[in-house]
C-alpha atoms as a PDB file:
ATOM      1  CA  MET A   1      79.599  87.224  78.824  1.00  0.00           C
ATOM      2  CA  ALA A   2      79.259  90.985  79.054  1.00  0.00           C
ATOM      3  CA  HIS A   3      81.635  93.104  81.117  1.00  0.00           C
ATOM      4  CA  PRO A   4      80.264  93.938  84.597  1.00  0.00           C
ATOM      5  CA  ALA A   5      79.967  97.618  83.675  1.00  0.00           C
ATOM      6  CA  VAL A   6      77.739  96.693  80.727  1.00  0.00           C
ATOM      7  CA  ARG A   7      75.594  94.394  82.868  1.00  0.00           C
ATOM      8  CA  ILE A   8      75.171  97.109  85.500  1.00  0.00           C
ATOM      9  CA  GLU A   9      74.290  99.692  82.852  1.00  0.00           C
ATOM     10  CA  GLN A  10      71.694  97.335  81.395  1.00  0.00           C
ATOM     11  CA  ALA A  11      70.241  96.641  84.837  1.00  0.00           C
ATOM     12  CA  VAL A  12      69.946 100.360  85.594  1.00  0.00           C
ATOM     13  CA  ALA A  13      68.166 100.882  82.268  1.00  0.00           C
ATOM     14  CA  ALA A  14      65.757  98.021  83.005  1.00  0.00           C
ATOM     15  CA  TYR A  15      65.099  98.469  86.743  1.00  0.00           C
ATOM     16  CA  GLY A  16      66.270 101.950  87.710  1.00  0.00           C
ATOM     17  CA  TYR A  17      69.328 103.201  89.553  1.00  0.00           C
ATOM     18  CA  ASP A  18      67.987 102.880  93.088  1.00  0.00           C
ATOM     19  CA  ALA A  19      66.677  99.339  92.536  1.00  0.00           C
ATOM     20  CA  VAL A  20      70.094  98.189  91.342  1.00  0.00           C
ATOM     21  CA  VAL A  21      71.879  99.949  94.220  1.00  0.00           C
ATOM     22  CA  ASP A  22      69.434  98.353  96.671  1.00  0.00           C
ATOM     23  CA  SER A  23      70.283  94.948  95.190  1.00  0.00           C
ATOM     24  CA  MET A  24      73.974  95.840  95.465  1.00  0.00           C
ATOM     25  CA  LEU A  25      73.438  96.437  99.196  1.00  0.00           C
ATOM     26  CA  ASN A  26      71.695  93.038  99.477  1.00  0.00           C
ATOM     27  CA  LEU A  27      74.705  91.408  97.852  1.00  0.00           C
ATOM     28  CA  LEU A  28      77.099  93.196 100.197  1.00  0.00           C
ATOM     29  CA  ASP A  29      75.093  91.747 103.093  1.00  0.00           C
ATOM     30  CA  GLY A  30      75.491  88.269 101.606  1.00  0.00           C
ATOM     31  CA  GLU A  31      71.842  88.101 100.556  1.00  0.00           C
ATOM     32  CA  LEU A  32      70.376  87.175  97.198  1.00  0.00           C
ATOM     33  CA  PRO A  33      69.290  90.346  95.411  1.00  0.00           C
ATOM     34  CA  GLY A  34      65.665  90.954  94.543  1.00  0.00           C
ATOM     35  CA  LEU A  35      66.656  91.467  90.914  1.00  0.00           C
ATOM     36  CA  GLY A  36      68.333  88.052  90.718  1.00  0.00           C
ATOM     37  CA  LEU A  37      71.965  87.056  90.295  1.00  0.00           C
ATOM     38  CA  ALA A  38      71.873  87.026  86.498  1.00  0.00           C
ATOM     39  CA  VAL A  39      71.634  90.824  86.514  1.00  0.00           C
ATOM     40  CA  PHE A  40      75.090  90.860  88.097  1.00  0.00           C
ATOM     41  CA  GLY A  41      76.589  88.093  85.978  1.00  0.00           C
ATOM     42  CA  GLY A  42      76.112  85.229  88.397  1.00  0.00           C
ATOM     43  CA  SER A  43      74.100  82.120  89.017  1.00  0.00           C
ATOM     44  CA  GLN A  44      73.854  79.536  91.754  1.00  0.00           C
ATOM     45  CA  GLY A  45      75.233  76.763  89.610  1.00  0.00           C
ATOM     46  CA  LYS A  46      77.786  74.074  90.320  1.00  0.00           C
ATOM     47  CA  GLY A  47      80.857  75.366  92.110  1.00  0.00           C
ATOM     48  CA  TRP A  48      79.098  78.532  93.282  1.00  0.00           C
ATOM     49  CA  LYS A  49      80.445  79.923  96.565  1.00  0.00           C
ATOM     50  CA  PRO A  50      78.451  82.200  98.890  1.00  0.00           C
ATOM     51  CA  TYR A  51      81.302  84.722  99.161  1.00  0.00           C
ATOM     52  CA  TRP A  52      80.632  85.682  95.553  1.00  0.00           C
ATOM     53  CA  LEU A  53      77.541  87.614  96.659  1.00  0.00           C
ATOM     54  CA  PRO A  54      79.504  90.313  98.508  1.00  0.00           C
ATOM     55  CA  VAL A  55      82.230  90.242  95.828  1.00  0.00           C
ATOM     56  CA  TRP A  56      79.628  91.058  93.173  1.00  0.00           C
ATOM     57  CA  GLY A  57      78.052  93.644  95.445  1.00  0.00           C
ATOM     58  CA  ALA A  58      81.386  95.334  96.036  1.00  0.00           C
ATOM     59  CA  ARG A  59      82.233  95.231  92.331  1.00  0.00           C
ATOM     60  CA  CYS A  60      79.015  97.174  91.677  1.00  0.00           C
ATOM     61  CA  GLY A  61      80.539  99.958  93.772  1.00  0.00           C
ATOM     62  CA  LEU A  62      82.917 100.630  90.912  1.00  0.00           C
ATOM     63  CA  TYR A  63      79.962 101.545  88.688  1.00  0.00           C
ATOM     64  CA  LEU A  64      77.152 102.697  91.027  1.00  0.00           C
ATOM     65  CA  TRP A  65      77.198 104.719  94.210  1.00  0.00           C
ATOM     66  CA  ARG A  66      75.029 106.217  96.891  1.00  0.00           C
ATOM     67  CA  GLU A  67      76.136 107.486 100.253  1.00  0.00           C
ATOM     68  CA  ASP A  68      74.637 104.436 102.007  1.00  0.00           C
ATOM     69  CA  CYS A  69      77.091 102.186 100.137  1.00  0.00           C
ATOM     70  CA  ALA A  70      80.157 103.390 102.047  1.00  0.00           C
ATOM     71  CA  GLU A  71      79.427 101.675 105.353  1.00  0.00           C
ATOM     72  CA  PRO A  72      78.924  98.151 103.949  1.00  0.00           C
ATOM     73  CA  ILE A  73      81.983  98.480 101.690  1.00  0.00           C
ATOM     74  CA  ILE A  74      84.138  99.564 104.628  1.00  0.00           C
ATOM     75  CA  GLY A  75      82.595  96.902 106.876  1.00  0.00           C
ATOM     76  CA  ASN A  76      83.424  94.186 104.364  1.00  0.00           C
ATOM     77  CA  LEU A  77      87.116  95.095 104.523  1.00  0.00           C
ATOM     78  CA  ARG A  78      86.989  92.690 107.496  1.00  0.00           C
ATOM     79  CA  HIS A  79      85.093  89.927 105.670  1.00  0.00           C
ATOM     80  CA  GLU A  80      86.310  86.387 106.297  1.00  0.00           C
ATOM     81  CA  HIS A  81      86.984  85.717 102.624  1.00  0.00           C
ATOM     82  CA  TRP A  82      89.929  87.416 100.951  1.00  0.00           C
ATOM     83  CA  ARG A  83      88.188  88.046  97.619  1.00  0.00           C
ATOM     84  CA  VAL A  84      85.645  90.264  99.383  1.00  0.00           C
ATOM     85  CA  ARG A  85      88.365  92.193 101.240  1.00  0.00           C
ATOM     86  CA  GLU A  86      90.325  92.684  98.019  1.00  0.00           C
ATOM     87  CA  MET A  87      87.342  93.990  96.028  1.00  0.00           C
ATOM     88  CA  CYS A  88      86.250  96.282  98.858  1.00  0.00           C
ATOM     89  CA  ALA A  89      89.768  97.739  99.013  1.00  0.00           C
ATOM     90  CA  LYS A  90      89.576  98.410  95.268  1.00  0.00           C
ATOM     91  CA  VAL A  91      86.265 100.197  95.747  1.00  0.00           C
ATOM     92  CA  CYS A  92      87.728 102.222  98.633  1.00  0.00           C
ATOM     93  CA  ARG A  93      90.471 103.360  96.288  1.00  0.00           C
ATOM     94  CA  TYR A  94      88.012 104.323  93.562  1.00  0.00           C
ATOM     95  CA  ARG A  95      85.484 105.974  95.890  1.00  0.00           C
ATOM     96  CA  GLN A  96      88.087 107.623  98.130  1.00  0.00           C
ATOM     97  CA  ILE A  97      86.832 106.037 101.372  1.00  0.00           C
ATOM     98  CA  GLY A  98      88.148 103.787 104.133  1.00  0.00           C
ATOM     99  CA  VAL A  99      91.307 105.679 105.015  1.00  0.00           C
ATOM    100  CA  THR A 100      91.011 104.636 108.675  1.00  0.00           C
ATOM    101  CA  GLU A 101      90.327 100.955 107.973  1.00  0.00           C
ATOM    102  CA  LEU A 102      92.654 100.219 105.039  1.00  0.00           C
ATOM    103  CA  PRO A 103      95.985 100.272 106.926  1.00  0.00           C
ATOM    104  CA  GLU A 104      95.196  97.072 108.825  1.00  0.00           C
ATOM    105  CA  LEU A 105      94.908  95.271 105.485  1.00  0.00           C
ATOM    106  CA  LEU A 106      98.610  95.901 104.861  1.00  0.00           C
ATOM    107  CA  ALA A 107      99.126  92.970 107.251  1.00  0.00           C
ATOM    108  CA  ASP A 108      96.461  90.741 105.674  1.00  0.00           C
ATOM    109  CA  PRO A 109      97.545  87.113 105.218  1.00  0.00           C
ATOM    110  CA  VAL A 110      96.672  87.261 101.494  1.00  0.00           C
ATOM    111  CA  PRO A 111      99.130  89.107  99.213  1.00  0.00           C
ATOM    112  CA  ARG A 112      96.422  90.302  96.798  1.00  0.00           C
ATOM    113  CA  VAL A 113      94.582  91.971  99.662  1.00  0.00           C
ATOM    114  CA  ARG A 114      97.781  93.647 100.878  1.00  0.00           C
ATOM    115  CA  MET A 115      98.462  94.960  97.378  1.00  0.00           C
ATOM    116  CA  ALA A 116      94.912  96.277  96.951  1.00  0.00           C
ATOM    117  CA  ALA A 117      95.185  98.029 100.318  1.00  0.00           C
ATOM    118  CA  ALA A 118      98.541  99.548  99.374  1.00  0.00           C
ATOM    119  CA  ARG A 119      97.168 100.849  96.086  1.00  0.00           C
ATOM    120  CA  ALA A 120      94.156 102.309  97.876  1.00  0.00           C
ATOM    121  CA  LEU A 121      96.330 104.015 100.482  1.00  0.00           C
ATOM    122  CA  GLY A 122      98.365 105.576  97.695  1.00  0.00           C
ATOM    123  CA  GLU A 123      95.131 107.258  96.592  1.00  0.00           C
ATOM    124  CA  VAL A 124      93.417 108.010  99.910  1.00  0.00           C
ATOM    125  CA  GLY A 125      96.085 107.645 102.592  1.00  0.00           C
ATOM    126  CA  GLU A 126      97.794 110.237 104.722  1.00  0.00           C
ATOM    127  CA  ALA A 127     101.363 110.748 105.886  1.00  0.00           C
ATOM    128  CA  GLU A 128     100.948 108.325 108.784  1.00  0.00           C
ATOM    129  CA  HIS A 129     100.368 105.484 106.309  1.00  0.00           C
ATOM    130  CA  ALA A 130     103.795 105.793 104.688  1.00  0.00           C
ATOM    131  CA  GLU A 131     105.425 103.655 107.382  1.00  0.00           C
ATOM    132  CA  GLY A 132     103.193 100.666 106.603  1.00  0.00           C
ATOM    133  CA  LEU A 133     103.858 101.067 102.906  1.00  0.00           C
ATOM    134  CA  HIS A 134     107.615 101.272 103.556  1.00  0.00           C
ATOM    135  CA  ALA A 135     107.401  97.975 105.450  1.00  0.00           C
ATOM    136  CA  MET A 136     105.958  96.332 102.318  1.00  0.00           C
ATOM    137  CA  LEU A 137     109.059  97.359 100.350  1.00  0.00           C
ATOM    138  CA  SER A 138     110.939  94.514 102.049  1.00  0.00           C
ATOM    139  CA  SER A 139     108.406  91.872 100.991  1.00  0.00           C
ATOM    140  CA  PRO A 140     109.891  88.810  99.276  1.00  0.00           C
ATOM    141  CA  GLU A 141     107.153  89.154  96.631  1.00  0.00           C
ATOM    142  CA  PRO A 142     108.127  91.444  93.720  1.00  0.00           C
ATOM    143  CA  ALA A 143     104.480  92.361  93.010  1.00  0.00           C
ATOM    144  CA  GLN A 144     103.997  93.473  96.617  1.00  0.00           C
ATOM    145  CA  ARG A 145     107.165  95.554  96.556  1.00  0.00           C
ATOM    146  CA  GLU A 146     106.026  97.176  93.305  1.00  0.00           C
ATOM    147  CA  ALA A 147     102.554  97.924  94.715  1.00  0.00           C
ATOM    148  CA  ALA A 148     104.116  99.526  97.796  1.00  0.00           C
ATOM    149  CA  LYS A 149     106.595 101.513  95.692  1.00  0.00           C
ATOM    150  CA  ARG A 150     103.819 102.825  93.455  1.00  0.00           C
ATOM    151  CA  ALA A 151     101.588 103.622  96.436  1.00  0.00           C
ATOM    152  CA  LEU A 152     104.379 105.579  98.123  1.00  0.00           C
ATOM    153  CA  SER A 153     105.033 107.468  94.913  1.00  0.00           C
ATOM    154  CA  ASP A 154     101.324 108.297  94.597  1.00  0.00           C
ATOM    155  CA  LEU A 155     101.153 109.330  98.255  1.00  0.00           C
ATOM    156  CA  GLU A 156     104.208 111.553  97.880  1.00  0.00           C
ATOM    157  CA  ALA A 157     102.861 113.212  94.747  1.00  0.00           C
ATOM    158  CA  ARG A 158      99.424 113.772  96.261  1.00  0.00           C
ATOM    159  CA  LEU A 159     100.729 115.118  99.570  1.00  0.00           C
ATOM    160  CA  ASP A 160     103.651 116.955  97.964  1.00  0.00           C
ATOM    161  CA  ARG A 161     106.291 115.534 100.307  1.00  0.00           C
ATOM    162  CA  ARG A 162     108.856 112.753 100.509  1.00  0.00           C
ATOM    163  CA  PHE A 163     108.638 109.699 102.779  1.00  0.00           C
ATOM    164  CA  ASP A 164     112.188 108.344 102.857  1.00  0.00           C
END
């Protein structure tokens, strides 16, 4: 199976940039895309879960972007399924969006979502987000502590100040 970036590149070549972004927006809304799921690496086979639609849509945000993509990515930071929240946090980090909404994910019940939010805040956060990242340093999970430590380091380097 081809890497998602390759699939997206192939889809853009076949259907055009805007058509693929429009299908990405359908996916983010939990709708089947007009171009079909195979374009994005999926199918509605056995074991298929509906939350994969917005996960695939969000993943497209790592490779394609238009201004109208920001609102659905940020809105899906509150999606009921953790995989959607995690992928949207990753896109926020990459696209430098969601600074207002990401901090609440530091308290998400799913560790992977908390770590994705921490990483994103290291890239897009402001000084007021250091406190939430510091709180993650006391997590019993080593991976969460490491994500918070790295995010604080990134935040400090980007803002040129210490948050002790």
